[in-house]
Amino acid sequence: MKRIKEKKRLAKKIARERIDILFKEAEAAGSAGEFSLAERYVELMLALSRKYRVPLSKEQKYRICKKCHSFLVPGKNATVRLKKGKVVIKCEKCGNYKRYPYK
């Protein structure tokens, strides 16, 4: 019983590390303008997150479009606005909005 729990805990730890690495790679690809590669990294991140039940961090959630799963790079494929105490991010690919408070 203990060995199974240890294996699951180790698998989750490895999954978190891989998700972090993929996020950094997606940032680099998105900054370079390679959005299809960044989207592939995001798909892999989300698959790992679902498979091992590892939640994404807030920073990671804010940079991914919920609708089309594209990696959001402000100024390149996302528009960022401040309105009434909220940050509003618009995905230029699908037109979806994300809103979250900044106070």
N, C-alpha and C. Protein backbone atom coordinates (compact mmCIF):
# COMPACT_ATOMS: atom_id res chain seq x y z
N MET A 1 0.81 -1.19 0.00
CA MET A 1 0.00 0.00 0.00
C MET A 1 0.86 1.27 0.00
N LYS A 2 1.90 1.27 0.85
CA LYS A 2 2.77 2.44 0.92
C LYS A 2 3.51 2.66 -0.39
N ARG A 3 3.92 1.56 -1.02
CA ARG A 3 4.68 1.69 -2.26
C ARG A 3 3.86 2.33 -3.37
N ILE A 4 2.56 2.01 -3.41
CA ILE A 4 1.69 2.59 -4.42
C ILE A 4 1.56 4.09 -4.21
N LYS A 5 1.37 4.52 -2.96
CA LYS A 5 1.26 5.95 -2.66
C LYS A 5 2.55 6.68 -2.99
N GLU A 6 3.68 6.05 -2.69
CA GLU A 6 4.98 6.67 -3.00
C GLU A 6 5.15 6.83 -4.50
N LYS A 7 4.74 5.81 -5.26
CA LYS A 7 4.86 5.88 -6.73
C LYS A 7 3.98 6.97 -7.28
N LYS A 8 2.75 7.09 -6.75
CA LYS A 8 1.84 8.14 -7.23
C LYS A 8 2.39 9.52 -6.91
N ARG A 9 2.93 9.66 -5.69
CA ARG A 9 3.49 10.96 -5.29
C ARG A 9 4.69 11.33 -6.17
N LEU A 10 5.53 10.34 -6.46
CA LEU A 10 6.68 10.57 -7.33
C LEU A 10 6.23 10.91 -8.74
N ALA A 11 5.21 10.22 -9.24
CA ALA A 11 4.69 10.49 -10.58
C ALA A 11 4.14 11.91 -10.67
N LYS A 12 3.44 12.36 -9.62
CA LYS A 12 2.91 13.73 -9.60
C LYS A 12 4.04 14.76 -9.57
N LYS A 13 5.07 14.46 -8.83
CA LYS A 13 6.21 15.38 -8.75
C LYS A 13 6.88 15.52 -10.12
N ILE A 14 7.08 14.40 -10.78
CA ILE A 14 7.69 14.41 -12.12
C ILE A 14 6.78 15.15 -13.11
N ALA A 15 5.47 14.92 -13.00
CA ALA A 15 4.52 15.60 -13.88
C ALA A 15 4.58 17.12 -13.68
N ARG A 16 4.65 17.58 -12.41
CA ARG A 16 4.76 19.02 -12.14
C ARG A 16 6.03 19.60 -12.78
N GLU A 17 7.14 18.88 -12.65
CA GLU A 17 8.40 19.34 -13.24
C GLU A 17 8.28 19.43 -14.76
N ARG A 18 7.68 18.44 -15.38
CA ARG A 18 7.52 18.45 -16.83
C ARG A 18 6.60 19.57 -17.28
N ILE A 19 5.54 19.82 -16.52
CA ILE A 19 4.63 20.91 -16.85
C ILE A 19 5.38 22.24 -16.79
N ASP A 20 6.20 22.43 -15.77
CA ASP A 20 6.98 23.67 -15.66
C ASP A 20 7.95 23.83 -16.83
N ILE A 21 8.60 22.75 -17.22
CA ILE A 21 9.53 22.79 -18.36
C ILE A 21 8.78 23.13 -19.64
N LEU A 22 7.63 22.48 -19.85
CA LEU A 22 6.84 22.75 -21.05
C LEU A 22 6.34 24.19 -21.07
N PHE A 23 6.00 24.74 -19.90
CA PHE A 23 5.55 26.13 -19.83
C PHE A 23 6.67 27.08 -20.25
N LYS A 24 7.88 26.82 -19.77
CA LYS A 24 9.02 27.66 -20.16
C LYS A 24 9.30 27.56 -21.66
N GLU A 25 9.18 26.35 -22.20
CA GLU A 25 9.38 26.16 -23.63
C GLU A 25 8.29 26.87 -24.44
N ALA A 26 7.06 26.84 -23.94
CA ALA A 26 5.95 27.52 -24.62
C ALA A 26 6.18 29.03 -24.59
N GLU A 27 6.69 29.55 -23.47
CA GLU A 27 7.01 30.98 -23.38
C GLU A 27 8.06 31.36 -24.42
N ALA A 28 9.10 30.55 -24.52
CA ALA A 28 10.17 30.84 -25.47
C ALA A 28 9.65 30.78 -26.91
N ALA A 29 8.85 29.76 -27.22
CA ALA A 29 8.31 29.62 -28.57
C ALA A 29 7.33 30.75 -28.88
N GLY A 30 6.49 31.12 -27.92
CA GLY A 30 5.54 32.20 -28.13
C GLY A 30 6.23 33.54 -28.33
N SER A 31 7.29 33.79 -27.58
CA SER A 31 8.04 35.05 -27.73
C SER A 31 8.72 35.12 -29.09
N ALA A 32 9.12 33.95 -29.61
CA ALA A 32 9.77 33.91 -30.92
C ALA A 32 8.76 33.95 -32.06
N GLY A 33 7.46 33.87 -31.75
CA GLY A 33 6.44 33.93 -32.78
C GLY A 33 6.04 32.57 -33.35
N GLU A 34 6.53 31.50 -32.76
CA GLU A 34 6.18 30.15 -33.23
C GLU A 34 4.97 29.66 -32.43
N PHE A 35 3.79 30.15 -32.80
CA PHE A 35 2.59 29.88 -32.01
C PHE A 35 2.11 28.44 -32.14
N SER A 36 2.34 27.80 -33.27
CA SER A 36 1.90 26.41 -33.41
C SER A 36 2.71 25.50 -32.47
N LEU A 37 3.99 25.77 -32.33
CA LEU A 37 4.83 25.00 -31.40
C LEU A 37 4.41 25.27 -29.95
N ALA A 38 4.12 26.53 -29.64
CA ALA A 38 3.68 26.88 -28.29
C ALA A 38 2.35 26.19 -27.97
N GLU A 39 1.45 26.11 -28.95
CA GLU A 39 0.17 25.42 -28.74
C GLU A 39 0.39 23.94 -28.46
N ARG A 40 1.34 23.33 -29.14
CA ARG A 40 1.64 21.92 -28.92
C ARG A 40 2.15 21.70 -27.49
N TYR A 41 3.00 22.61 -27.02
CA TYR A 41 3.49 22.51 -25.64
C TYR A 41 2.33 22.65 -24.65
N VAL A 42 1.40 23.54 -24.95
CA VAL A 42 0.24 23.74 -24.07
C VAL A 42 -0.62 22.47 -24.05
N GLU A 43 -0.84 21.86 -25.20
CA GLU A 43 -1.62 20.62 -25.25
C GLU A 43 -0.96 19.53 -24.40
N LEU A 44 0.36 19.43 -24.48
CA LEU A 44 1.07 18.44 -23.67
C LEU A 44 0.96 18.75 -22.18
N MET A 45 1.04 20.05 -21.83
CA MET A 45 0.89 20.46 -20.44
C MET A 45 -0.48 20.07 -19.90
N LEU A 46 -1.51 20.36 -20.68
CA LEU A 46 -2.87 20.07 -20.23
C LEU A 46 -3.11 18.56 -20.12
N ALA A 47 -2.53 17.79 -21.04
CA ALA A 47 -2.67 16.34 -20.98
C ALA A 47 -2.01 15.78 -19.72
N LEU A 48 -0.82 16.27 -19.40
CA LEU A 48 -0.14 15.83 -18.17
C LEU A 48 -0.94 16.23 -16.93
N SER A 49 -1.47 17.44 -16.95
CA SER A 49 -2.24 17.94 -15.83
C SER A 49 -3.48 17.08 -15.58
N ARG A 50 -4.16 16.70 -16.65
CA ARG A 50 -5.36 15.87 -16.51
C ARG A 50 -5.00 14.44 -16.09
N LYS A 51 -3.98 13.88 -16.71
CA LYS A 51 -3.64 12.48 -16.44
C LYS A 51 -3.21 12.26 -15.00
N TYR A 52 -2.37 13.15 -14.48
CA TYR A 52 -1.83 12.97 -13.14
C TYR A 52 -2.55 13.82 -12.09
N ARG A 53 -3.60 14.51 -12.50
CA ARG A 53 -4.39 15.36 -11.60
C ARG A 53 -3.53 16.37 -10.87
N VAL A 54 -2.73 17.06 -11.64
CA VAL A 54 -1.86 18.11 -11.11
C VAL A 54 -2.42 19.45 -11.60
N PRO A 55 -2.84 20.33 -10.70
CA PRO A 55 -3.38 21.61 -11.15
C PRO A 55 -2.29 22.53 -11.71
N LEU A 56 -2.68 23.36 -12.66
CA LEU A 56 -1.76 24.36 -13.19
C LEU A 56 -1.69 25.53 -12.22
N SER A 57 -0.57 26.23 -12.22
CA SER A 57 -0.45 27.40 -11.36
C SER A 57 -1.26 28.55 -11.95
N LYS A 58 -1.48 29.59 -11.15
CA LYS A 58 -2.25 30.74 -11.63
C LYS A 58 -1.58 31.39 -12.83
N GLU A 59 -0.27 31.53 -12.76
CA GLU A 59 0.47 32.14 -13.87
C GLU A 59 0.25 31.34 -15.16
N GLN A 60 0.28 30.03 -15.05
CA GLN A 60 0.08 29.18 -16.22
C GLN A 60 -1.34 29.29 -16.74
N LYS A 61 -2.31 29.35 -15.84
CA LYS A 61 -3.71 29.48 -16.26
C LYS A 61 -3.95 30.80 -16.99
N TYR A 62 -3.33 31.88 -16.50
CA TYR A 62 -3.54 33.18 -17.10
C TYR A 62 -2.96 33.27 -18.51
N ARG A 63 -1.97 32.46 -18.82
CA ARG A 63 -1.30 32.53 -20.12
C ARG A 63 -1.86 31.57 -21.16
N ILE A 64 -2.91 30.79 -20.79
CA ILE A 64 -3.50 29.82 -21.71
C ILE A 64 -4.96 30.18 -21.95
N CYS A 65 -5.37 30.20 -23.21
CA CYS A 65 -6.76 30.44 -23.56
C CYS A 65 -7.57 29.18 -23.26
N LYS A 66 -8.67 29.34 -22.52
CA LYS A 66 -9.49 28.19 -22.16
C LYS A 66 -10.22 27.60 -23.36
N LYS A 67 -10.54 28.44 -24.33
CA LYS A 67 -11.35 27.99 -25.45
C LYS A 67 -10.54 27.28 -26.53
N CYS A 68 -9.45 27.91 -26.98
CA CYS A 68 -8.69 27.33 -28.10
C CYS A 68 -7.33 26.78 -27.68
N HIS A 69 -6.98 26.90 -26.40
CA HIS A 69 -5.73 26.37 -25.84
C HIS A 69 -4.48 26.96 -26.48
N SER A 70 -4.57 28.20 -26.91
CA SER A 70 -3.37 28.84 -27.45
C SER A 70 -2.62 29.53 -26.31
N PHE A 71 -1.31 29.64 -26.47
CA PHE A 71 -0.48 30.30 -25.47
C PHE A 71 -0.56 31.80 -25.71
N LEU A 72 -1.00 32.55 -24.72
CA LEU A 72 -1.25 33.98 -24.88
C LEU A 72 0.01 34.79 -24.61
N VAL A 73 0.42 35.55 -25.62
CA VAL A 73 1.56 36.45 -25.50
C VAL A 73 1.02 37.87 -25.70
N PRO A 74 0.99 38.67 -24.63
CA PRO A 74 0.45 40.03 -24.76
C PRO A 74 1.19 40.82 -25.84
N GLY A 75 0.40 41.46 -26.70
CA GLY A 75 0.97 42.27 -27.76
C GLY A 75 1.18 41.51 -29.06
N LYS A 76 1.19 40.19 -29.01
CA LYS A 76 1.38 39.40 -30.23
C LYS A 76 0.10 38.68 -30.63
N ASN A 77 -0.47 37.90 -29.74
CA ASN A 77 -1.72 37.22 -30.05
C ASN A 77 -2.77 37.41 -28.95
N ALA A 78 -2.54 38.39 -28.08
CA ALA A 78 -3.49 38.70 -27.00
C ALA A 78 -3.49 40.19 -26.73
N THR A 79 -4.66 40.71 -26.42
CA THR A 79 -4.81 42.11 -26.05
C THR A 79 -5.11 42.18 -24.56
N VAL A 80 -4.38 43.02 -23.84
CA VAL A 80 -4.56 43.15 -22.40
C VAL A 80 -5.06 44.55 -22.10
N ARG A 81 -6.15 44.63 -21.33
CA ARG A 81 -6.73 45.91 -20.94
C ARG A 81 -7.02 45.88 -19.44
N LEU A 82 -7.05 47.06 -18.84
CA LEU A 82 -7.42 47.21 -17.44
C LEU A 82 -8.76 47.93 -17.40
N LYS A 83 -9.77 47.30 -16.81
CA LYS A 83 -11.11 47.89 -16.75
C LYS A 83 -11.73 47.64 -15.39
N LYS A 84 -12.05 48.71 -14.67
CA LYS A 84 -12.78 48.65 -13.40
C LYS A 84 -12.23 47.60 -12.44
N GLY A 85 -10.95 47.63 -12.18
CA GLY A 85 -10.36 46.71 -11.22
C GLY A 85 -10.14 45.30 -11.72
N LYS A 86 -10.24 45.12 -13.04
CA LYS A 86 -10.03 43.81 -13.63
C LYS A 86 -9.02 43.88 -14.76
N VAL A 87 -8.30 42.79 -14.94
CA VAL A 87 -7.45 42.63 -16.11
C VAL A 87 -8.27 41.83 -17.11
N VAL A 88 -8.40 42.36 -18.32
CA VAL A 88 -9.18 41.69 -19.36
C VAL A 88 -8.21 41.31 -20.48
N ILE A 89 -8.13 40.01 -20.75
CA ILE A 89 -7.25 39.51 -21.80
C ILE A 89 -8.12 38.92 -22.90
N LYS A 90 -7.90 39.39 -24.13
CA LYS A 90 -8.65 38.89 -25.27
C LYS A 90 -7.72 38.07 -26.15
N CYS A 91 -8.13 36.84 -26.44
CA CYS A 91 -7.38 35.98 -27.35
C CYS A 91 -7.70 36.42 -28.77
N GLU A 92 -6.68 36.73 -29.55
CA GLU A 92 -6.89 37.20 -30.92
C GLU A 92 -7.25 36.06 -31.87
N LYS A 93 -6.96 34.83 -31.47
CA LYS A 93 -7.24 33.69 -32.35
C LYS A 93 -8.73 33.34 -32.35
N CYS A 94 -9.33 33.25 -31.15
CA CYS A 94 -10.73 32.82 -31.07
C CYS A 94 -11.67 33.92 -30.57
N GLY A 95 -11.12 35.02 -30.02
CA GLY A 95 -11.95 36.11 -29.54
C GLY A 95 -12.45 35.93 -28.12
N ASN A 96 -11.99 34.91 -27.42
CA ASN A 96 -12.43 34.65 -26.05
C ASN A 96 -11.79 35.65 -25.09
N TYR A 97 -12.55 36.03 -24.05
CA TYR A 97 -12.06 36.95 -23.03
C TYR A 97 -11.77 36.22 -21.73
N LYS A 98 -10.72 36.66 -21.04
CA LYS A 98 -10.43 36.19 -19.68
C LYS A 98 -10.43 37.42 -18.80
N ARG A 99 -11.07 37.33 -17.64
CA ARG A 99 -11.12 38.45 -16.73
C ARG A 99 -10.72 37.97 -15.34
N TYR A 100 -9.86 38.74 -14.69
CA TYR A 100 -9.53 38.44 -13.30
C TYR A 100 -9.15 39.72 -12.58
N PRO A 101 -9.44 39.79 -11.27
CA PRO A 101 -9.18 41.02 -10.51
C PRO A 101 -7.69 41.25 -10.30
N TYR A 102 -7.31 42.52 -10.17
CA TYR A 102 -5.89 42.82 -9.92
C TYR A 102 -5.68 43.62 -8.66
N LYS A 103 -6.69 43.83 -7.86
CA LYS A 103 -6.53 44.59 -6.61
C LYS A 103 -6.11 43.69 -5.49
